[in-house]
C-alpha atoms as a PDB file:
ATOM      1  CA  UNK A   1       0.158   0.133  -0.428  1.00  0.00           C
ATOM      2  CA  UNK A   2       1.337   3.298  -1.183  1.00  0.00           C
ATOM      3  CA  UNK A   3       0.219   6.394   0.955  1.00  0.00           C
ATOM      4  CA  UNK A   4       2.287   9.151  -0.669  1.00  0.00           C
ATOM      5  CA  UNK A   5      -0.299   8.008  -3.498  1.00  0.00           C
ATOM      6  CA  UNK A   6      -3.172   8.985  -1.451  1.00  0.00           C
ATOM      7  CA  UNK A   7      -4.835  12.451  -1.455  1.00  0.00           C
ATOM      8  CA  UNK A   8      -5.813  14.441   1.503  1.00  0.00           C
ATOM      9  CA  UNK A   9      -9.325  14.182   0.665  1.00  0.00           C
ATOM     10  CA  UNK A  10      -9.141  10.671   2.977  1.00  0.00           C
ATOM     11  CA  UNK A  11      -8.825  12.887   5.546  1.00  0.00           C
ATOM     12  CA  UNK A  12     -11.754  14.518   5.281  1.00  0.00           C
ATOM     13  CA  UNK A  13     -13.756  12.504   3.902  1.00  0.00           C
ATOM     14  CA  UNK A  14     -13.533   9.481   6.108  1.00  0.00           C
ATOM     15  CA  UNK A  15     -13.418  11.610   9.511  1.00  0.00           C
ATOM     16  CA  UNK A  16     -16.765  13.250   7.638  1.00  0.00           C
ATOM     17  CA  UNK A  17     -18.898   9.731   7.420  1.00  0.00           C
ATOM     18  CA  UNK A  18     -17.646   8.959  10.466  1.00  0.00           C
ATOM     19  CA  UNK A  19     -19.633  11.864  11.745  1.00  0.00           C
ATOM     20  CA  UNK A  20     -22.783  11.801   9.432  1.00  0.00           C
ATOM     21  CA  UNK A  21     -22.943   8.148  10.642  1.00  0.00           C
ATOM     22  CA  UNK A  22     -22.602   9.077  14.597  1.00  0.00           C
ATOM     23  CA  UNK A  23     -25.682  12.155  13.915  1.00  0.00           C
ATOM     24  CA  UNK A  24     -27.792   9.962  11.459  1.00  0.00           C
ATOM     25  CA  UNK A  25     -27.777   7.365  14.113  1.00  0.00           C
ATOM     26  CA  UNK A  26     -27.736  10.140  17.380  1.00  0.00           C
ATOM     27  CA  UNK A  27     -31.585  11.035  15.722  1.00  0.00           C
ATOM     28  CA  UNK A  28     -32.558   7.718  15.223  1.00  0.00           C
ATOM     29  CA  UNK A  29     -31.949   6.176  18.118  1.00  0.00           C
ATOM     30  CA  UNK A  30     -33.386   9.155  19.871  1.00  0.00           C
ATOM     31  CA  UNK A  31     -37.066   8.493  18.429  1.00  0.00           C
ATOM     32  CA  UNK A  32     -37.045   5.123  19.024  1.00  0.00           C
ATOM     33  CA  UNK A  33     -36.549   6.007  22.860  1.00  0.00           C
ATOM     34  CA  UNK A  34     -38.844   8.529  22.580  1.00  0.00           C
ATOM     35  CA  UNK A  35     -41.332   6.087  20.995  1.00  0.00           C
ATOM     36  CA  UNK A  36     -40.971   3.657  23.548  1.00  0.00           C
ATOM     37  CA  UNK A  37     -41.198   6.015  26.631  1.00  0.00           C
ATOM     38  CA  UNK A  38     -44.455   7.139  25.268  1.00  0.00           C
ATOM     39  CA  UNK A  39     -45.480   3.524  24.314  1.00  0.00           C
ATOM     40  CA  UNK A  40     -44.559   2.512  27.947  1.00  0.00           C
ATOM     41  CA  UNK A  41     -46.493   6.387  29.680  1.00  0.00           C
ATOM     42  CA  UNK A  42     -50.173   4.632  27.208  1.00  0.00           C
ATOM     43  CA  UNK A  43     -49.125   0.958  28.749  1.00  0.00           C
ATOM     44  CA  UNK A  44     -49.174   2.599  32.275  1.00  0.00           C
ATOM     45  CA  UNK A  45     -52.338   4.860  31.436  1.00  0.00           C
ATOM     46  CA  UNK A  46     -54.285   1.357  30.659  1.00  0.00           C
ATOM     47  CA  UNK A  47     -52.872  -0.308  32.833  1.00  0.00           C
ATOM     48  CA  UNK A  48     -54.339   1.647  35.274  1.00  0.00           C
ATOM     49  CA  UNK A  49     -57.654   2.124  33.876  1.00  0.00           C
ATOM     50  CA  UNK A  50     -58.026  -0.900  33.633  1.00  0.00           C
ATOM     51  CA  UNK A  51     -57.288  -1.468  37.345  1.00  0.00           C
ATOM     52  CA  UNK A  52     -59.805   1.699  38.114  1.00  0.00           C
ATOM     53  CA  UNK A  53     -62.768   0.327  36.281  1.00  0.00           C
ATOM     54  CA  UNK A  54     -62.277  -3.296  37.970  1.00  0.00           C
ATOM     55  CA  UNK A  55     -62.535  -2.265  41.292  1.00  0.00           C
ATOM     56  CA  UNK A  56     -65.722  -0.098  40.403  1.00  0.00           C
ATOM     57  CA  UNK A  57     -66.863  -3.280  39.478  1.00  0.00           C
ATOM     58  CA  UNK A  58     -65.440  -4.839  42.811  1.00  0.00           C
ATOM     59  CA  UNK A  59     -67.355  -2.103  44.571  1.00  0.00           C
ATOM     60  CA  UNK A  60     -70.675  -2.260  42.971  1.00  0.00           C
ATOM     61  CA  UNK A  61     -70.817  -5.980  43.011  1.00  0.00           C
ATOM     62  CA  UNK A  62     -70.244  -6.175  46.950  1.00  0.00           C
ATOM     63  CA  UNK A  63     -73.199  -3.352  46.918  1.00  0.00           C
ATOM     64  CA  UNK A  64     -70.530  -1.006  48.437  1.00  0.00           C
ATOM     65  CA  UNK A  65     -71.291   2.189  45.777  1.00  0.00           C
END
């Protein structure tokens, strides 16, 4: 391999491509994390609503409500 024939573009191109890859990965990763967080919040809300409905139904069945 003859490094004397390599142009200086390699010193700009290679880090540039790596930087672009890091930025794109960061953006996609942050979107995926935000989506996962929202899905978890939705699951918790649905679970709480089911639990509340179950408690009300149990109280009605017992005649406490």
